[in-house]
Amino acid sequence: MARARRGGVGWRAVLAAALWLLLVAAEAGKYNAVFNFGDSLVDAGNLVTEGIPDYLATARPPYGQSYFRHPTGRCSDGRLVIDFIAQEFGLPLLPPSKAKNAPLFAGKDLREAYNLMPHVVQGISDGVEQLIAEGAKDLIVPGVMPSGCFPVYLSMYVDAKEGYGQRSGCLKRFNTFSWVHNAMLKGALEKLRAKHPGVRIVYGDYFTPVIQFLLQPEKFGFHKQPPRACCGAAGKGPYNFNLTAKCGEPGATACADPKTHWSWDGIHLTEAAYGHIAKGWLHGEFADQPIIQSS
């Protein structure tokens, strides 16, 4: 029988898909600005714009160590997907804003989250419509990651043996939930494309690369191991995640080489993983069409 703890991290990352990137074109295939709307997967440091709150572990070392050499408020050891995309087009990294993120589904069970799913997808669709009304011509709308593969959820929820993927070790019911959301989102994007044929809307796939990181880790330079956070502390199972000693908090340590892990802190990804995803979005391996169009 499945057991779960409520509260805390809750559903913060499961449907954290209210996110899109807006590319502003200077000319065909080139961009002079990128605008980002999203959650902690793309947050460039919104929570530290007015000083560092005492509670914010992501603003402490070892966050930022691999690229910036110091914490920036990004929830990773270095750059995020949005950073790699900006650099690809020769643009400066996006500065943080004073926007604040909020947990969407903290404390809700899976059934409640399924009931909310159509509203979340509709909210994303409405947001895209608003940007198009403002003149947007190129947008990237990402799906969600396979939440059942993340150490935070693997540590919080214990299912029967058959509830885990035989090869991945991920929680099937959570991955199914993420897959259903992504399928619903892709259907909504198809409708938007038909309605706005002059606008390019790219679906950015987070689900496939994370599954590949687990099943084909050597392809990306990652260790072959169960889902495991690079930065964390021992807790339930082999996941190196402990709610009482999360990355940046006393008792947590980082692995020797984050490039060998796809999970940074059990909730977010490493710079290495984000770099692979960004490359897949830019060139099409992890997107339904490449951001970079062939001339």
C-alpha atoms as a PDB file:
ATOM      1  CA  MET A   1       0.000   0.000   0.000  1.00  0.00           C
ATOM      2  CA  ALA A   2       1.375   3.425  -0.901  1.00  0.00           C
ATOM      3  CA  ARG A   3       2.385   5.766   1.895  1.00  0.00           C
ATOM      4  CA  ALA A   4       3.039   9.466   1.585  1.00  0.00           C
ATOM      5  CA  ARG A   5       3.875  12.492   3.653  1.00  0.00           C
ATOM      6  CA  ARG A   6       1.937  15.655   2.949  1.00  0.00           C
ATOM      7  CA  GLY A   7       3.076  19.264   3.083  1.00  0.00           C
ATOM      8  CA  GLY A   8       6.644  20.488   2.642  1.00  0.00           C
ATOM      9  CA  VAL A   9       7.689  20.124  -0.974  1.00  0.00           C
ATOM     10  CA  GLY A  10       4.269  18.654  -1.887  1.00  0.00           C
ATOM     11  CA  TRP A  11       3.287  19.225  -5.511  1.00  0.00           C
ATOM     12  CA  ARG A  12       5.578  22.182  -6.102  1.00  0.00           C
ATOM     13  CA  ALA A  13       7.413  20.530  -8.996  1.00  0.00           C
ATOM     14  CA  VAL A  14       4.847  18.097 -10.370  1.00  0.00           C
ATOM     15  CA  LEU A  15       2.864  20.626 -12.380  1.00  0.00           C
ATOM     16  CA  ALA A  16       5.387  23.435 -12.421  1.00  0.00           C
ATOM     17  CA  ALA A  17       4.683  23.888 -16.095  1.00  0.00           C
ATOM     18  CA  ALA A  18       3.291  27.388 -16.169  1.00  0.00           C
ATOM     19  CA  LEU A  19       6.391  28.333 -18.049  1.00  0.00           C
ATOM     20  CA  TRP A  20       7.273  29.603 -21.474  1.00  0.00           C
ATOM     21  CA  LEU A  21      10.095  31.396 -23.195  1.00  0.00           C
ATOM     22  CA  LEU A  22       9.481  34.243 -25.588  1.00  0.00           C
ATOM     23  CA  LEU A  23      12.117  34.840 -28.257  1.00  0.00           C
ATOM     24  CA  VAL A  24      12.070  38.299 -29.822  1.00  0.00           C
ATOM     25  CA  ALA A  25      13.405  38.197 -33.363  1.00  0.00           C
ATOM     26  CA  ALA A  26      15.680  40.777 -34.868  1.00  0.00           C
ATOM     27  CA  GLU A  27      15.542  38.926 -38.185  1.00  0.00           C
ATOM     28  CA  ALA A  28      14.716  35.420 -39.346  1.00  0.00           C
ATOM     29  CA  GLY A  29      16.523  32.847 -37.204  1.00  0.00           C
ATOM     30  CA  LYS A  30      18.163  35.483 -34.980  1.00  0.00           C
ATOM     31  CA  TYR A  31      16.979  36.988 -31.723  1.00  0.00           C
ATOM     32  CA  ASN A  32      17.797  40.121 -29.821  1.00  0.00           C
ATOM     33  CA  ALA A  33      15.947  39.291 -26.623  1.00  0.00           C
ATOM     34  CA  VAL A  34      14.599  36.382 -24.598  1.00  0.00           C
ATOM     35  CA  PHE A  35      11.801  36.736 -22.055  1.00  0.00           C
ATOM     36  CA  ASN A  36      11.220  34.014 -19.505  1.00  0.00           C
ATOM     37  CA  PHE A  37       8.077  33.193 -17.524  1.00  0.00           C
ATOM     38  CA  GLY A  38       8.356  30.295 -15.141  1.00  0.00           C
ATOM     39  CA  ASP A  39       9.250  28.586 -11.903  1.00  0.00           C
ATOM     40  CA  SER A  40      12.459  27.526 -10.159  1.00  0.00           C
ATOM     41  CA  LEU A  41      13.647  25.572 -13.225  1.00  0.00           C
ATOM     42  CA  VAL A  42      14.308  28.906 -14.920  1.00  0.00           C
ATOM     43  CA  ASP A  43      14.530  31.292 -11.957  1.00  0.00           C
ATOM     44  CA  ALA A  44      17.666  33.414 -12.333  1.00  0.00           C
ATOM     45  CA  GLY A  45      17.539  34.563  -8.703  1.00  0.00           C
ATOM     46  CA  ASN A  46      14.223  36.304  -8.128  1.00  0.00           C
ATOM     47  CA  LEU A  47      14.274  35.648  -4.390  1.00  0.00           C
ATOM     48  CA  VAL A  48      17.632  37.370  -3.801  1.00  0.00           C
ATOM     49  CA  THR A  49      16.987  40.677  -5.556  1.00  0.00           C
ATOM     50  CA  GLU A  50      16.431  42.412  -2.229  1.00  0.00           C
ATOM     51  CA  GLY A  51      18.948  40.509  -0.134  1.00  0.00           C
ATOM     52  CA  ILE A  52      19.288  36.870   0.849  1.00  0.00           C
ATOM     53  CA  PRO A  53      16.549  35.521   3.126  1.00  0.00           C
ATOM     54  CA  ASP A  54      17.832  33.376   5.997  1.00  0.00           C
ATOM     55  CA  TYR A  55      15.599  30.478   4.953  1.00  0.00           C
ATOM     56  CA  LEU A  56      16.812  30.314   1.332  1.00  0.00           C
ATOM     57  CA  ALA A  57      19.214  27.380   1.030  1.00  0.00           C
ATOM     58  CA  THR A  58      19.527  27.858  -2.745  1.00  0.00           C
ATOM     59  CA  ALA A  59      21.339  31.144  -2.108  1.00  0.00           C
ATOM     60  CA  ARG A  60      24.115  29.354  -0.221  1.00  0.00           C
ATOM     61  CA  PRO A  61      27.073  27.265  -1.419  1.00  0.00           C
ATOM     62  CA  PRO A  62      27.410  24.850  -3.142  1.00  0.00           C
ATOM     63  CA  TYR A  63      24.699  26.322  -5.423  1.00  0.00           C
ATOM     64  CA  GLY A  64      26.340  28.009  -8.417  1.00  0.00           C
ATOM     65  CA  GLN A  65      29.711  26.358  -7.904  1.00  0.00           C
ATOM     66  CA  SER A  66      30.221  24.888 -11.376  1.00  0.00           C
ATOM     67  CA  TYR A  67      29.908  28.044 -13.486  1.00  0.00           C
ATOM     68  CA  PHE A  68      29.411  31.195 -11.455  1.00  0.00           C
ATOM     69  CA  ARG A  69      31.665  30.050  -8.569  1.00  0.00           C
ATOM     70  CA  HIS A  70      29.136  31.472  -6.133  1.00  0.00           C
ATOM     71  CA  PRO A  71      25.385  31.205  -5.499  1.00  0.00           C
ATOM     72  CA  THR A  72      23.181  33.362  -7.724  1.00  0.00           C
ATOM     73  CA  GLY A  73      19.768  32.197  -6.557  1.00  0.00           C
ATOM     74  CA  ARG A  74      19.578  29.677  -9.411  1.00  0.00           C
ATOM     75  CA  CYS A  75      18.462  26.245  -8.211  1.00  0.00           C
ATOM     76  CA  SER A  76      21.420  24.398  -9.693  1.00  0.00           C
ATOM     77  CA  ASP A  77      25.182  24.140  -9.539  1.00  0.00           C
ATOM     78  CA  GLY A  78      25.411  26.430 -12.575  1.00  0.00           C
ATOM     79  CA  ARG A  79      23.492  27.510 -15.646  1.00  0.00           C
ATOM     80  CA  LEU A  80      19.884  26.701 -16.474  1.00  0.00           C
ATOM     81  CA  VAL A  81      18.273  25.873 -19.839  1.00  0.00           C
ATOM     82  CA  ILE A  82      17.371  29.537 -20.320  1.00  0.00           C
ATOM     83  CA  ASP A  83      21.027  30.520 -19.787  1.00  0.00           C
ATOM     84  CA  PHE A  84      22.263  28.114 -22.441  1.00  0.00           C
ATOM     85  CA  ILE A  85      19.644  29.362 -24.904  1.00  0.00           C
ATOM     86  CA  ALA A  86      20.584  32.992 -24.276  1.00  0.00           C
ATOM     87  CA  GLN A  87      24.274  32.214 -24.772  1.00  0.00           C
ATOM     88  CA  GLU A  88      23.560  30.302 -27.982  1.00  0.00           C
ATOM     89  CA  PHE A  89      22.179  33.516 -29.481  1.00  0.00           C
ATOM     90  CA  GLY A  90      24.942  35.716 -28.063  1.00  0.00           C
ATOM     91  CA  LEU A  91      22.618  37.338 -25.536  1.00  0.00           C
ATOM     92  CA  PRO A  92      23.405  38.205 -21.913  1.00  0.00           C
ATOM     93  CA  LEU A  93      22.114  35.935 -19.193  1.00  0.00           C
ATOM     94  CA  LEU A  94      18.699  36.968 -17.992  1.00  0.00           C
ATOM     95  CA  PRO A  95      18.727  39.049 -14.810  1.00  0.00           C
ATOM     96  CA  PRO A  96      16.443  38.122 -11.921  1.00  0.00           C
ATOM     97  CA  SER A  97      13.173  39.951 -11.467  1.00  0.00           C
ATOM     98  CA  LYS A  98      11.120  40.691  -8.380  1.00  0.00           C
ATOM     99  CA  ALA A  99       8.526  38.108  -9.356  1.00  0.00           C
ATOM    100  CA  LYS A 100       7.834  35.438  -6.758  1.00  0.00           C
ATOM    101  CA  ASN A 101       7.106  31.769  -7.352  1.00  0.00           C
ATOM    102  CA  ALA A 102       4.407  29.931  -5.425  1.00  0.00           C
ATOM    103  CA  PRO A 103       3.768  26.199  -4.942  1.00  0.00           C
ATOM    104  CA  LEU A 104       0.857  25.126  -7.089  1.00  0.00           C
ATOM    105  CA  PHE A 105      -0.148  21.889  -5.405  1.00  0.00           C
ATOM    106  CA  ALA A 106       1.478  21.730  -1.976  1.00  0.00           C
ATOM    107  CA  GLY A 107      -0.403  19.211   0.142  1.00  0.00           C
ATOM    108  CA  LYS A 108      -2.694  17.883  -2.595  1.00  0.00           C
ATOM    109  CA  ASP A 109      -2.989  14.209  -3.469  1.00  0.00           C
ATOM    110  CA  LEU A 110      -2.729  12.759  -6.953  1.00  0.00           C
ATOM    111  CA  ARG A 111      -6.479  12.634  -7.547  1.00  0.00           C
ATOM    112  CA  GLU A 112      -6.839  16.319  -6.701  1.00  0.00           C
ATOM    113  CA  ALA A 113      -3.919  17.134  -8.970  1.00  0.00           C
ATOM    114  CA  TYR A 114      -5.543  15.264 -11.870  1.00  0.00           C
ATOM    115  CA  ASN A 115      -8.688  17.325 -11.332  1.00  0.00           C
ATOM    116  CA  LEU A 116      -6.636  20.515 -11.503  1.00  0.00           C
ATOM    117  CA  MET A 117      -4.678  19.478 -14.580  1.00  0.00           C
ATOM    118  CA  PRO A 118      -7.125  20.832 -17.225  1.00  0.00           C
ATOM    119  CA  HIS A 119      -7.174  24.182 -15.431  1.00  0.00           C
ATOM    120  CA  VAL A 120      -3.374  24.344 -15.390  1.00  0.00           C
ATOM    121  CA  VAL A 121      -3.139  23.521 -19.105  1.00  0.00           C
ATOM    122  CA  GLN A 122      -5.841  26.083 -19.873  1.00  0.00           C
ATOM    123  CA  GLY A 123      -3.907  28.647 -17.839  1.00  0.00           C
ATOM    124  CA  ILE A 124      -0.785  27.978 -19.891  1.00  0.00           C
ATOM    125  CA  SER A 125      -2.792  28.227 -23.119  1.00  0.00           C
ATOM    126  CA  ASP A 126      -4.357  31.510 -21.987  1.00  0.00           C
ATOM    127  CA  GLY A 127      -0.924  32.889 -21.136  1.00  0.00           C
ATOM    128  CA  VAL A 128       0.390  31.999 -24.575  1.00  0.00           C
ATOM    129  CA  GLU A 129      -2.647  33.677 -26.134  1.00  0.00           C
ATOM    130  CA  GLN A 130      -1.934  36.849 -24.172  1.00  0.00           C
ATOM    131  CA  LEU A 131       1.667  36.934 -25.383  1.00  0.00           C
ATOM    132  CA  ILE A 132       0.540  36.388 -28.977  1.00  0.00           C
ATOM    133  CA  ALA A 133      -1.913  39.268 -28.555  1.00  0.00           C
ATOM    134  CA  GLU A 134       1.072  41.405 -27.516  1.00  0.00           C
ATOM    135  CA  GLY A 135       2.868  40.484 -30.735  1.00  0.00           C
ATOM    136  CA  ALA A 136       4.841  37.349 -29.849  1.00  0.00           C
ATOM    137  CA  LYS A 137       5.934  35.321 -32.886  1.00  0.00           C
ATOM    138  CA  ASP A 138       8.287  32.693 -31.421  1.00  0.00           C
ATOM    139  CA  LEU A 139       7.489  30.860 -28.181  1.00  0.00           C
ATOM    140  CA  ILE A 140       8.797  27.773 -26.399  1.00  0.00           C
ATOM    141  CA  VAL A 141       6.302  26.034 -24.131  1.00  0.00           C
ATOM    142  CA  PRO A 142       7.862  23.235 -22.063  1.00  0.00           C
ATOM    143  CA  GLY A 143       6.157  20.242 -20.562  1.00  0.00           C
ATOM    144  CA  VAL A 144       6.992  18.771 -17.175  1.00  0.00           C
ATOM    145  CA  MET A 145       9.649  16.298 -16.103  1.00  0.00           C
ATOM    146  CA  PRO A 146       8.915  12.701 -15.037  1.00  0.00           C
ATOM    147  CA  SER A 147       8.243  13.571 -11.408  1.00  0.00           C
ATOM    148  CA  GLY A 148       8.392   9.934 -10.312  1.00  0.00           C
ATOM    149  CA  CYS A 149      12.128   9.892 -11.052  1.00  0.00           C
ATOM    150  CA  PHE A 150      13.062  12.649  -8.635  1.00  0.00           C
ATOM    151  CA  PRO A 151      14.721  11.827  -5.310  1.00  0.00           C
ATOM    152  CA  VAL A 152      12.383  14.174  -3.442  1.00  0.00           C
ATOM    153  CA  TYR A 153       9.319  12.113  -4.396  1.00  0.00           C
ATOM    154  CA  LEU A 154      11.097   8.762  -4.211  1.00  0.00           C
ATOM    155  CA  SER A 155      12.009   9.648  -0.625  1.00  0.00           C
ATOM    156  CA  MET A 156       8.558  10.916   0.328  1.00  0.00           C
ATOM    157  CA  TYR A 157       6.417   8.156  -1.207  1.00  0.00           C
ATOM    158  CA  VAL A 158       6.793   4.398  -0.772  1.00  0.00           C
ATOM    159  CA  ASP A 159       4.871   2.168  -3.196  1.00  0.00           C
ATOM    160  CA  ALA A 160       4.677  -1.587  -3.612  1.00  0.00           C
ATOM    161  CA  LYS A 161       7.478  -3.129  -5.700  1.00  0.00           C
ATOM    162  CA  GLU A 162       5.340  -3.240  -8.852  1.00  0.00           C
ATOM    163  CA  GLY A 163       4.801   0.517  -8.550  1.00  0.00           C
ATOM    164  CA  TYR A 164       8.380   1.209  -9.653  1.00  0.00           C
ATOM    165  CA  GLY A 165       9.801   1.090 -13.173  1.00  0.00           C
ATOM    166  CA  GLN A 166      11.880  -2.060 -13.592  1.00  0.00           C
ATOM    167  CA  ARG A 167      14.695  -0.271 -15.420  1.00  0.00           C
ATOM    168  CA  SER A 168      14.358   3.287 -14.170  1.00  0.00           C
ATOM    169  CA  GLY A 169      13.397   2.749 -10.545  1.00  0.00           C
ATOM    170  CA  CYS A 170      10.927   5.643 -10.880  1.00  0.00           C
ATOM    171  CA  LEU A 171       7.452   5.787  -9.365  1.00  0.00           C
ATOM    172  CA  LYS A 172       5.122   4.775 -12.195  1.00  0.00           C
ATOM    173  CA  ARG A 173       2.026   6.606 -10.961  1.00  0.00           C
ATOM    174  CA  PHE A 174       3.807   9.955 -10.828  1.00  0.00           C
ATOM    175  CA  ASN A 175       5.411   9.482 -14.229  1.00  0.00           C
ATOM    176  CA  THR A 176       2.033   8.574 -15.682  1.00  0.00           C
ATOM    177  CA  PHE A 177       0.638  11.776 -14.221  1.00  0.00           C
ATOM    178  CA  SER A 178       3.421  13.829 -15.834  1.00  0.00           C
ATOM    179  CA  TRP A 179       2.944  12.045 -19.164  1.00  0.00           C
ATOM    180  CA  VAL A 180      -0.805  12.734 -19.165  1.00  0.00           C
ATOM    181  CA  HIS A 181      -0.185  16.408 -18.431  1.00  0.00           C
ATOM    182  CA  ASN A 182       2.315  16.657 -21.281  1.00  0.00           C
ATOM    183  CA  ALA A 183      -0.072  14.933 -23.697  1.00  0.00           C
ATOM    184  CA  MET A 184      -2.847  17.343 -22.733  1.00  0.00           C
ATOM    185  CA  LEU A 185      -0.498  20.309 -23.139  1.00  0.00           C
ATOM    186  CA  LYS A 186       0.660  19.178 -26.580  1.00  0.00           C
ATOM    187  CA  GLY A 187      -2.973  18.899 -27.649  1.00  0.00           C
ATOM    188  CA  ALA A 188      -3.588  22.467 -26.483  1.00  0.00           C
ATOM    189  CA  LEU A 189      -0.531  23.695 -28.404  1.00  0.00           C
ATOM    190  CA  GLU A 190      -1.797  22.040 -31.597  1.00  0.00           C
ATOM    191  CA  LYS A 191      -5.014  24.032 -31.253  1.00  0.00           C
ATOM    192  CA  LEU A 192      -3.042  27.244 -30.734  1.00  0.00           C
ATOM    193  CA  ARG A 193      -0.938  26.561 -33.834  1.00  0.00           C
ATOM    194  CA  ALA A 194      -4.055  26.070 -35.925  1.00  0.00           C
ATOM    195  CA  LYS A 195      -5.530  29.275 -34.551  1.00  0.00           C
ATOM    196  CA  HIS A 196      -2.316  31.300 -35.026  1.00  0.00           C
ATOM    197  CA  PRO A 197      -0.556  29.963 -38.155  1.00  0.00           C
ATOM    198  CA  GLY A 198       1.811  32.942 -38.253  1.00  0.00           C
ATOM    199  CA  VAL A 199       3.232  32.172 -34.800  1.00  0.00           C
ATOM    200  CA  ARG A 200       5.875  29.522 -34.111  1.00  0.00           C
ATOM    201  CA  ILE A 201       5.128  27.570 -30.934  1.00  0.00           C
ATOM    202  CA  VAL A 202       7.767  25.017 -29.931  1.00  0.00           C
ATOM    203  CA  TYR A 203       7.053  22.284 -27.395  1.00  0.00           C
ATOM    204  CA  GLY A 204      10.102  21.827 -25.167  1.00  0.00           C
ATOM    205  CA  ASP A 205      10.394  18.248 -23.905  1.00  0.00           C
ATOM    206  CA  TYR A 206      11.686  17.803 -20.348  1.00  0.00           C
ATOM    207  CA  PHE A 207      10.264  14.285 -19.919  1.00  0.00           C
ATOM    208  CA  THR A 208      12.241  12.357 -22.553  1.00  0.00           C
ATOM    209  CA  PRO A 209      15.717  13.620 -21.638  1.00  0.00           C
ATOM    210  CA  VAL A 210      15.343  12.809 -17.938  1.00  0.00           C
ATOM    211  CA  ILE A 211      14.217   9.268 -18.805  1.00  0.00           C
ATOM    212  CA  GLN A 212      17.221   8.966 -21.123  1.00  0.00           C
ATOM    213  CA  PHE A 213      19.539  10.249 -18.378  1.00  0.00           C
ATOM    214  CA  LEU A 214      18.430   7.251 -16.315  1.00  0.00           C
ATOM    215  CA  LEU A 215      18.304   4.578 -19.002  1.00  0.00           C
ATOM    216  CA  GLN A 216      21.314   5.683 -21.080  1.00  0.00           C
ATOM    217  CA  PRO A 217      23.474   7.625 -18.611  1.00  0.00           C
ATOM    218  CA  GLU A 218      26.743   6.863 -20.382  1.00  0.00           C
ATOM    219  CA  LYS A 219      25.470   8.721 -23.463  1.00  0.00           C
ATOM    220  CA  PHE A 220      25.508  11.929 -21.387  1.00  0.00           C
ATOM    221  CA  GLY A 221      28.498  11.243 -19.151  1.00  0.00           C
ATOM    222  CA  PHE A 222      26.410  10.412 -16.073  1.00  0.00           C
ATOM    223  CA  HIS A 223      26.963   7.604 -13.594  1.00  0.00           C
ATOM    224  CA  LYS A 224      24.735   4.557 -13.979  1.00  0.00           C
ATOM    225  CA  GLN A 225      22.871   4.535 -10.677  1.00  0.00           C
ATOM    226  CA  PRO A 226      19.387   4.880  -9.204  1.00  0.00           C
ATOM    227  CA  PRO A 227      17.953   8.402  -9.177  1.00  0.00           C
ATOM    228  CA  ARG A 228      20.338  10.166  -6.811  1.00  0.00           C
ATOM    229  CA  ALA A 229      20.935  13.791  -5.896  1.00  0.00           C
ATOM    230  CA  CYS A 230      24.465  15.111  -6.290  1.00  0.00           C
ATOM    231  CA  CYS A 231      23.964  17.502  -3.386  1.00  0.00           C
ATOM    232  CA  GLY A 232      22.114  16.273  -0.322  1.00  0.00           C
ATOM    233  CA  ALA A 233      22.313  13.920   2.627  1.00  0.00           C
ATOM    234  CA  ALA A 234      21.457  10.319   3.322  1.00  0.00           C
ATOM    235  CA  GLY A 235      17.773   9.664   3.856  1.00  0.00           C
ATOM    236  CA  LYS A 236      15.293   6.965   2.869  1.00  0.00           C
ATOM    237  CA  GLY A 237      16.658   4.721   0.140  1.00  0.00           C
ATOM    238  CA  PRO A 238      19.689   5.349  -2.104  1.00  0.00           C
ATOM    239  CA  TYR A 239      18.533   8.772  -3.279  1.00  0.00           C
ATOM    240  CA  ASN A 240      20.805  11.057  -1.201  1.00  0.00           C
ATOM    241  CA  PHE A 241      17.851  13.250  -0.291  1.00  0.00           C
ATOM    242  CA  ASN A 242      16.772  14.244   3.200  1.00  0.00           C
ATOM    243  CA  LEU A 243      14.105  16.869   3.907  1.00  0.00           C
ATOM    244  CA  THR A 244      15.903  17.815   7.112  1.00  0.00           C
ATOM    245  CA  ALA A 245      19.258  18.331   5.407  1.00  0.00           C
ATOM    246  CA  LYS A 246      18.614  19.568   1.875  1.00  0.00           C
ATOM    247  CA  CYS A 247      21.364  20.935  -0.347  1.00  0.00           C
ATOM    248  CA  GLY A 248      22.725  24.178   1.102  1.00  0.00           C
ATOM    249  CA  GLU A 249      21.671  23.235   4.631  1.00  0.00           C
ATOM    250  CA  PRO A 250      23.820  21.867   7.480  1.00  0.00           C
ATOM    251  CA  GLY A 251      24.536  18.173   7.010  1.00  0.00           C
ATOM    252  CA  ALA A 252      24.317  18.217   3.215  1.00  0.00           C
ATOM    253  CA  THR A 253      27.321  17.858   0.914  1.00  0.00           C
ATOM    254  CA  ALA A 254      27.853  17.903  -2.847  1.00  0.00           C
ATOM    255  CA  CYS A 255      29.276  15.089  -4.941  1.00  0.00           C
ATOM    256  CA  ALA A 256      32.838  15.451  -6.222  1.00  0.00           C
ATOM    257  CA  ASP A 257      31.826  16.060  -9.845  1.00  0.00           C
ATOM    258  CA  PRO A 258      28.293  17.326 -10.619  1.00  0.00           C
ATOM    259  CA  LYS A 259      28.847  16.560 -14.311  1.00  0.00           C
ATOM    260  CA  THR A 260      28.403  12.867 -13.446  1.00  0.00           C
ATOM    261  CA  HIS A 261      24.877  13.418 -12.041  1.00  0.00           C
ATOM    262  CA  TRP A 262      21.659  14.632 -13.666  1.00  0.00           C
ATOM    263  CA  SER A 263      19.905  15.466 -10.386  1.00  0.00           C
ATOM    264  CA  TRP A 264      21.476  18.336  -8.487  1.00  0.00           C
ATOM    265  CA  ASP A 265      19.522  18.648  -5.242  1.00  0.00           C
ATOM    266  CA  GLY A 266      16.833  15.997  -5.661  1.00  0.00           C
ATOM    267  CA  ILE A 267      14.354  18.562  -7.002  1.00  0.00           C
ATOM    268  CA  HIS A 268      16.280  20.425  -9.728  1.00  0.00           C
ATOM    269  CA  LEU A 269      18.865  19.396 -12.322  1.00  0.00           C
ATOM    270  CA  THR A 270      22.585  19.899 -12.671  1.00  0.00           C
ATOM    271  CA  GLU A 271      24.085  22.358 -15.122  1.00  0.00           C
ATOM    272  CA  ALA A 272      25.242  19.363 -17.180  1.00  0.00           C
ATOM    273  CA  ALA A 273      21.691  18.036 -17.475  1.00  0.00           C
ATOM    274  CA  TYR A 274      20.280  21.458 -18.342  1.00  0.00           C
ATOM    275  CA  GLY A 275      22.955  21.821 -21.008  1.00  0.00           C
ATOM    276  CA  HIS A 276      21.904  18.568 -22.684  1.00  0.00           C
ATOM    277  CA  ILE A 277      18.247  19.602 -22.589  1.00  0.00           C
ATOM    278  CA  ALA A 278      19.007  23.043 -24.010  1.00  0.00           C
ATOM    279  CA  LYS A 279      20.963  21.467 -26.866  1.00  0.00           C
ATOM    280  CA  GLY A 280      18.030  19.154 -27.549  1.00  0.00           C
ATOM    281  CA  TRP A 281      15.611  22.085 -27.676  1.00  0.00           C
ATOM    282  CA  LEU A 282      17.881  24.151 -29.873  1.00  0.00           C
ATOM    283  CA  HIS A 283      18.518  21.386 -32.404  1.00  0.00           C
ATOM    284  CA  GLY A 284      15.307  19.384 -32.125  1.00  0.00           C
ATOM    285  CA  GLU A 285      16.183  16.142 -30.317  1.00  0.00           C
ATOM    286  CA  PHE A 286      14.081  17.175 -27.312  1.00  0.00           C
ATOM    287  CA  ALA A 287      11.557  19.435 -29.020  1.00  0.00           C
ATOM    288  CA  ASP A 288       8.827  18.930 -31.609  1.00  0.00           C
ATOM    289  CA  GLN A 289      10.758  21.337 -33.826  1.00  0.00           C
ATOM    290  CA  PRO A 290      14.216  22.843 -33.377  1.00  0.00           C
ATOM    291  CA  ILE A 291      14.525  26.373 -32.050  1.00  0.00           C
ATOM    292  CA  ILE A 292      17.374  26.954 -34.481  1.00  0.00           C
ATOM    293  CA  GLN A 293      15.908  26.854 -37.963  1.00  0.00           C
ATOM    294  CA  SER A 294      18.097  25.732 -40.846  1.00  0.00           C
ATOM    295  CA  SER A 295      18.775  28.482 -43.342  1.00  0.00           C
END
